[in-house]
Amino acid sequence: MFRLILLAVREIERRNSGALPLSYFAFWTVRLAGWLPRFNACATCGKPFGKQPAYQAASHPGLLCEEHRRSGMKPVSFAAGNSRNALRENAWTGSMRQSKRYPR
């Protein structure tokens, strides 16, 4: 947790803006605490989304498949699906980890 705080503070200093670093910090805090929902599979049945759309609503935690979606839920776009997968695989954090500015 200390390294996460250190990373966020250094990035705020570097960018002169806190929006992205604080979002990064919030995401990882929720993930490390175990409260982050699954982005790659239905929250009800666990079936992977693959190329199928995922459905979401602000009033329901997690994403649901076509079979389990509830009325009023909206589909998550394919581009958002690619972002979901990147979050799941930590692809977007790799460059920060390999930066010489942030020691391990």
N, C-alpha and C. Protein backbone atom coordinates (compact mmCIF):
# COMPACT_ATOMS: atom_id res chain seq x y z
N MET A 1 0.82 -1.18 0.00
CA MET A 1 0.00 0.00 0.00
C MET A 1 0.87 1.26 0.00
N PHE A 2 2.00 1.18 0.72
CA PHE A 2 2.90 2.33 0.74
C PHE A 2 3.40 2.67 -0.66
N ARG A 3 3.76 1.65 -1.44
CA ARG A 3 4.24 1.89 -2.80
C ARG A 3 3.15 2.52 -3.67
N LEU A 4 1.91 2.13 -3.46
CA LEU A 4 0.79 2.70 -4.22
C LEU A 4 0.63 4.18 -3.88
N ILE A 5 0.71 4.51 -2.61
CA ILE A 5 0.62 5.91 -2.19
C ILE A 5 1.79 6.71 -2.77
N LEU A 6 2.98 6.16 -2.68
CA LEU A 6 4.17 6.82 -3.22
C LEU A 6 4.05 7.06 -4.72
N LEU A 7 3.60 6.05 -5.44
CA LEU A 7 3.40 6.17 -6.88
C LEU A 7 2.40 7.28 -7.21
N ALA A 8 1.28 7.31 -6.49
CA ALA A 8 0.25 8.32 -6.75
C ALA A 8 0.77 9.73 -6.47
N VAL A 9 1.47 9.91 -5.37
CA VAL A 9 1.99 11.23 -5.02
C VAL A 9 3.02 11.71 -6.05
N ARG A 10 3.92 10.83 -6.44
CA ARG A 10 4.93 11.21 -7.44
C ARG A 10 4.29 11.55 -8.78
N GLU A 11 3.26 10.81 -9.14
CA GLU A 11 2.61 11.08 -10.42
C GLU A 11 1.83 12.40 -10.38
N ILE A 12 1.24 12.72 -9.24
CA ILE A 12 0.56 14.01 -9.09
C ILE A 12 1.57 15.14 -9.24
N GLU A 13 2.73 14.99 -8.62
CA GLU A 13 3.79 16.00 -8.75
C GLU A 13 4.25 16.15 -10.19
N ARG A 14 4.42 15.02 -10.87
CA ARG A 14 4.91 15.05 -12.25
C ARG A 14 3.91 15.69 -13.20
N ARG A 15 2.63 15.39 -13.02
CA ARG A 15 1.60 15.87 -13.93
C ARG A 15 1.04 17.24 -13.56
N ASN A 16 1.23 17.67 -12.34
CA ASN A 16 0.59 18.88 -11.82
C ASN A 16 -0.93 18.77 -11.91
N SER A 17 -1.42 17.57 -11.80
CA SER A 17 -2.85 17.29 -11.82
C SER A 17 -3.09 16.00 -11.06
N GLY A 18 -4.18 15.94 -10.34
CA GLY A 18 -4.44 14.75 -9.55
C GLY A 18 -5.49 13.82 -10.11
N ALA A 19 -6.16 14.20 -11.18
CA ALA A 19 -7.30 13.41 -11.67
C ALA A 19 -6.94 11.97 -12.00
N LEU A 20 -6.00 11.76 -12.90
CA LEU A 20 -5.65 10.40 -13.31
C LEU A 20 -4.94 9.62 -12.20
N PRO A 21 -3.95 10.21 -11.53
CA PRO A 21 -3.30 9.45 -10.44
C PRO A 21 -4.27 9.06 -9.31
N LEU A 22 -5.20 9.94 -8.98
CA LEU A 22 -6.16 9.61 -7.92
C LEU A 22 -7.14 8.54 -8.38
N SER A 23 -7.50 8.54 -9.66
CA SER A 23 -8.34 7.47 -10.20
C SER A 23 -7.60 6.15 -10.14
N TYR A 24 -6.33 6.17 -10.51
CA TYR A 24 -5.48 4.98 -10.44
C TYR A 24 -5.40 4.47 -9.00
N PHE A 25 -5.19 5.39 -8.06
CA PHE A 25 -5.11 5.03 -6.65
C PHE A 25 -6.43 4.42 -6.16
N ALA A 26 -7.55 5.04 -6.51
CA ALA A 26 -8.85 4.53 -6.08
C ALA A 26 -9.12 3.14 -6.66
N PHE A 27 -8.81 2.96 -7.95
CA PHE A 27 -9.01 1.66 -8.59
C PHE A 27 -8.23 0.58 -7.86
N TRP A 28 -6.95 0.81 -7.62
CA TRP A 28 -6.11 -0.21 -7.00
C TRP A 28 -6.45 -0.43 -5.53
N THR A 29 -6.90 0.61 -4.84
CA THR A 29 -7.32 0.43 -3.45
C THR A 29 -8.53 -0.50 -3.39
N VAL A 30 -9.49 -0.27 -4.26
CA VAL A 30 -10.69 -1.12 -4.32
C VAL A 30 -10.30 -2.54 -4.74
N ARG A 31 -9.41 -2.65 -5.71
CA ARG A 31 -8.99 -3.98 -6.17
C ARG A 31 -8.25 -4.75 -5.08
N LEU A 32 -7.32 -4.10 -4.41
CA LEU A 32 -6.55 -4.77 -3.37
C LEU A 32 -7.42 -5.16 -2.17
N ALA A 33 -8.47 -4.40 -1.93
CA ALA A 33 -9.38 -4.71 -0.82
C ALA A 33 -10.32 -5.86 -1.18
N GLY A 34 -10.37 -6.22 -2.47
CA GLY A 34 -11.23 -7.32 -2.89
C GLY A 34 -12.65 -6.91 -3.23
N TRP A 35 -12.89 -5.63 -3.41
CA TRP A 35 -14.23 -5.14 -3.70
C TRP A 35 -14.49 -4.89 -5.18
N LEU A 36 -13.51 -5.08 -6.03
CA LEU A 36 -13.67 -4.80 -7.45
C LEU A 36 -14.45 -5.95 -8.11
N PRO A 37 -15.53 -5.63 -8.81
CA PRO A 37 -16.29 -6.71 -9.47
C PRO A 37 -15.51 -7.26 -10.66
N ARG A 38 -15.91 -8.43 -11.11
CA ARG A 38 -15.28 -9.04 -12.28
C ARG A 38 -15.75 -8.30 -13.52
N PHE A 39 -14.81 -8.03 -14.44
CA PHE A 39 -15.13 -7.33 -15.68
C PHE A 39 -15.19 -8.27 -16.88
N ASN A 40 -14.76 -9.50 -16.71
CA ASN A 40 -14.66 -10.41 -17.85
C ASN A 40 -15.71 -11.51 -17.84
N ALA A 41 -16.57 -11.55 -16.81
CA ALA A 41 -17.57 -12.61 -16.71
C ALA A 41 -18.81 -12.09 -15.99
N CYS A 42 -19.92 -12.75 -16.23
CA CYS A 42 -21.20 -12.39 -15.62
C CYS A 42 -21.13 -12.50 -14.10
N ALA A 43 -21.64 -11.50 -13.40
CA ALA A 43 -21.63 -11.50 -11.94
C ALA A 43 -22.60 -12.54 -11.37
N THR A 44 -23.57 -12.99 -12.16
CA THR A 44 -24.54 -13.96 -11.68
C THR A 44 -24.10 -15.40 -11.93
N CYS A 45 -23.74 -15.72 -13.18
CA CYS A 45 -23.45 -17.11 -13.52
C CYS A 45 -21.96 -17.39 -13.73
N GLY A 46 -21.13 -16.34 -13.88
CA GLY A 46 -19.70 -16.53 -14.07
C GLY A 46 -19.29 -16.84 -15.51
N LYS A 47 -20.24 -16.84 -16.43
CA LYS A 47 -19.94 -17.14 -17.84
C LYS A 47 -19.12 -16.00 -18.45
N PRO A 48 -17.97 -16.31 -19.09
CA PRO A 48 -17.15 -15.26 -19.72
C PRO A 48 -17.93 -14.56 -20.85
N PHE A 49 -17.71 -13.26 -20.99
CA PHE A 49 -18.42 -12.49 -22.02
C PHE A 49 -17.90 -12.78 -23.42
N GLY A 50 -16.60 -12.96 -23.58
CA GLY A 50 -16.04 -13.17 -24.90
C GLY A 50 -16.40 -12.00 -25.80
N LYS A 51 -17.03 -12.29 -26.93
CA LYS A 51 -17.45 -11.24 -27.89
C LYS A 51 -18.88 -10.77 -27.61
N GLN A 52 -19.56 -11.41 -26.66
CA GLN A 52 -20.94 -11.03 -26.33
C GLN A 52 -20.93 -9.75 -25.50
N PRO A 53 -21.99 -8.94 -25.61
CA PRO A 53 -22.04 -7.72 -24.82
C PRO A 53 -22.26 -8.01 -23.34
N ALA A 54 -21.77 -7.11 -22.52
CA ALA A 54 -22.03 -7.15 -21.09
C ALA A 54 -23.04 -6.04 -20.80
N TYR A 55 -23.83 -6.21 -19.78
CA TYR A 55 -24.86 -5.22 -19.44
C TYR A 55 -24.62 -4.70 -18.05
N GLN A 56 -24.87 -3.38 -17.87
CA GLN A 56 -24.62 -2.75 -16.58
C GLN A 56 -25.73 -1.77 -16.24
N ALA A 57 -25.86 -1.52 -14.94
CA ALA A 57 -26.76 -0.49 -14.43
C ALA A 57 -26.13 0.06 -13.16
N ALA A 58 -26.34 1.35 -12.92
CA ALA A 58 -25.76 1.98 -11.74
C ALA A 58 -26.28 1.35 -10.45
N SER A 59 -27.48 0.79 -10.50
CA SER A 59 -28.09 0.23 -9.30
C SER A 59 -27.69 -1.22 -9.04
N HIS A 60 -26.89 -1.82 -9.93
CA HIS A 60 -26.52 -3.22 -9.77
C HIS A 60 -25.00 -3.36 -9.83
N PRO A 61 -24.40 -4.01 -8.83
CA PRO A 61 -22.94 -4.19 -8.87
C PRO A 61 -22.55 -5.25 -9.90
N GLY A 62 -21.48 -5.01 -10.61
CA GLY A 62 -20.99 -5.98 -11.58
C GLY A 62 -21.67 -5.88 -12.93
N LEU A 63 -21.21 -6.72 -13.85
CA LEU A 63 -21.75 -6.78 -15.20
C LEU A 63 -22.49 -8.11 -15.38
N LEU A 64 -23.54 -8.08 -16.20
CA LEU A 64 -24.34 -9.29 -16.42
C LEU A 64 -24.35 -9.66 -17.90
N CYS A 65 -24.56 -10.95 -18.17
CA CYS A 65 -24.65 -11.45 -19.54
C CYS A 65 -26.07 -11.23 -20.06
N GLU A 66 -26.27 -11.51 -21.34
CA GLU A 66 -27.57 -11.36 -22.00
C GLU A 66 -28.66 -12.13 -21.25
N GLU A 67 -28.35 -13.33 -20.82
CA GLU A 67 -29.34 -14.19 -20.17
C GLU A 67 -29.79 -13.66 -18.81
N HIS A 68 -28.90 -13.02 -18.07
CA HIS A 68 -29.22 -12.58 -16.72
C HIS A 68 -29.45 -11.07 -16.58
N ARG A 69 -29.39 -10.35 -17.67
CA ARG A 69 -29.57 -8.90 -17.56
C ARG A 69 -30.99 -8.57 -17.10
N ARG A 70 -31.13 -7.43 -16.46
CA ARG A 70 -32.42 -6.98 -15.94
C ARG A 70 -32.90 -5.81 -16.79
N SER A 71 -34.18 -5.53 -16.70
CA SER A 71 -34.72 -4.43 -17.49
C SER A 71 -34.06 -3.13 -17.09
N GLY A 72 -33.81 -2.30 -18.07
CA GLY A 72 -33.16 -1.02 -17.84
C GLY A 72 -31.64 -1.05 -17.90
N MET A 73 -31.06 -2.24 -17.97
CA MET A 73 -29.60 -2.33 -18.07
C MET A 73 -29.16 -1.96 -19.48
N LYS A 74 -28.02 -1.30 -19.57
CA LYS A 74 -27.50 -0.86 -20.87
C LYS A 74 -26.29 -1.70 -21.24
N PRO A 75 -26.13 -1.97 -22.55
CA PRO A 75 -24.95 -2.74 -22.97
C PRO A 75 -23.68 -1.91 -22.85
N VAL A 76 -22.60 -2.59 -22.53
CA VAL A 76 -21.29 -1.97 -22.49
C VAL A 76 -20.68 -2.18 -23.87
N SER A 77 -20.15 -1.12 -24.46
CA SER A 77 -19.63 -1.20 -25.82
C SER A 77 -18.43 -2.15 -25.93
N PHE A 78 -18.13 -2.58 -27.15
CA PHE A 78 -16.99 -3.46 -27.38
C PHE A 78 -15.69 -2.76 -26.99
N ALA A 79 -15.59 -1.45 -27.26
CA ALA A 79 -14.38 -0.69 -26.88
C ALA A 79 -14.22 -0.70 -25.37
N ALA A 80 -15.32 -0.55 -24.65
CA ALA A 80 -15.26 -0.62 -23.18
C ALA A 80 -14.88 -2.03 -22.75
N GLY A 81 -15.31 -3.02 -23.52
CA GLY A 81 -14.93 -4.40 -23.22
C GLY A 81 -13.43 -4.59 -23.31
N ASN A 82 -12.81 -3.96 -24.31
CA ASN A 82 -11.35 -4.04 -24.43
C ASN A 82 -10.69 -3.36 -23.24
N SER A 83 -11.27 -2.26 -22.76
CA SER A 83 -10.74 -1.59 -21.58
C SER A 83 -10.91 -2.47 -20.35
N ARG A 84 -12.05 -3.15 -20.27
CA ARG A 84 -12.27 -4.09 -19.15
C ARG A 84 -11.18 -5.13 -19.12
N ASN A 85 -10.86 -5.68 -20.29
CA ASN A 85 -9.84 -6.71 -20.35
C ASN A 85 -8.47 -6.15 -19.99
N ALA A 86 -8.19 -4.92 -20.42
CA ALA A 86 -6.91 -4.31 -20.07
C ALA A 86 -6.81 -4.11 -18.57
N LEU A 87 -7.90 -3.69 -17.94
CA LEU A 87 -7.90 -3.54 -16.49
C LEU A 87 -7.65 -4.87 -15.81
N ARG A 88 -8.31 -5.89 -16.30
CA ARG A 88 -8.19 -7.21 -15.70
C ARG A 88 -6.77 -7.73 -15.83
N GLU A 89 -6.14 -7.47 -16.97
CA GLU A 89 -4.80 -8.00 -17.22
C GLU A 89 -3.69 -7.05 -16.78
N ASN A 90 -4.06 -5.90 -16.23
CA ASN A 90 -3.08 -4.91 -15.76
C ASN A 90 -2.23 -4.34 -16.89
N ALA A 91 -2.68 -4.42 -18.11
CA ALA A 91 -1.88 -3.96 -19.25
C ALA A 91 -1.55 -2.47 -19.15
N TRP A 92 -2.45 -1.68 -18.63
CA TRP A 92 -2.24 -0.24 -18.60
C TRP A 92 -1.31 0.18 -17.48
N THR A 93 -0.98 -0.70 -16.55
CA THR A 93 -0.07 -0.34 -15.48
C THR A 93 1.35 -0.77 -15.75
N GLY A 94 1.56 -1.57 -16.78
CA GLY A 94 2.90 -2.08 -17.09
C GLY A 94 3.92 -0.99 -17.31
N SER A 95 3.53 0.04 -18.03
CA SER A 95 4.51 1.10 -18.32
C SER A 95 4.93 1.84 -17.06
N MET A 96 4.02 2.00 -16.11
CA MET A 96 4.37 2.67 -14.86
C MET A 96 5.31 1.81 -14.02
N ARG A 97 5.10 0.50 -14.05
CA ARG A 97 5.94 -0.39 -13.27
C ARG A 97 7.36 -0.44 -13.82
N GLN A 98 7.50 -0.32 -15.14
CA GLN A 98 8.81 -0.42 -15.76
C GLN A 98 9.55 0.91 -15.81
N SER A 99 8.89 1.95 -15.37
CA SER A 99 9.52 3.26 -15.38
C SER A 99 10.68 3.30 -14.38
N LYS A 100 11.79 3.91 -14.79
CA LYS A 100 12.95 4.02 -13.91
C LYS A 100 12.67 5.02 -12.79
N ARG A 101 11.68 5.86 -12.98
CA ARG A 101 11.36 6.87 -11.99
C ARG A 101 10.75 6.26 -10.73
N TYR A 102 10.10 5.10 -10.86
CA TYR A 102 9.43 4.49 -9.73
C TYR A 102 10.08 3.17 -9.39
N PRO A 103 10.96 3.17 -8.41
CA PRO A 103 11.64 1.92 -8.04
C PRO A 103 10.68 0.90 -7.45
N ARG A 104 11.02 -0.35 -7.56
CA ARG A 104 10.16 -1.42 -7.04
C ARG A 104 10.37 -1.62 -5.57
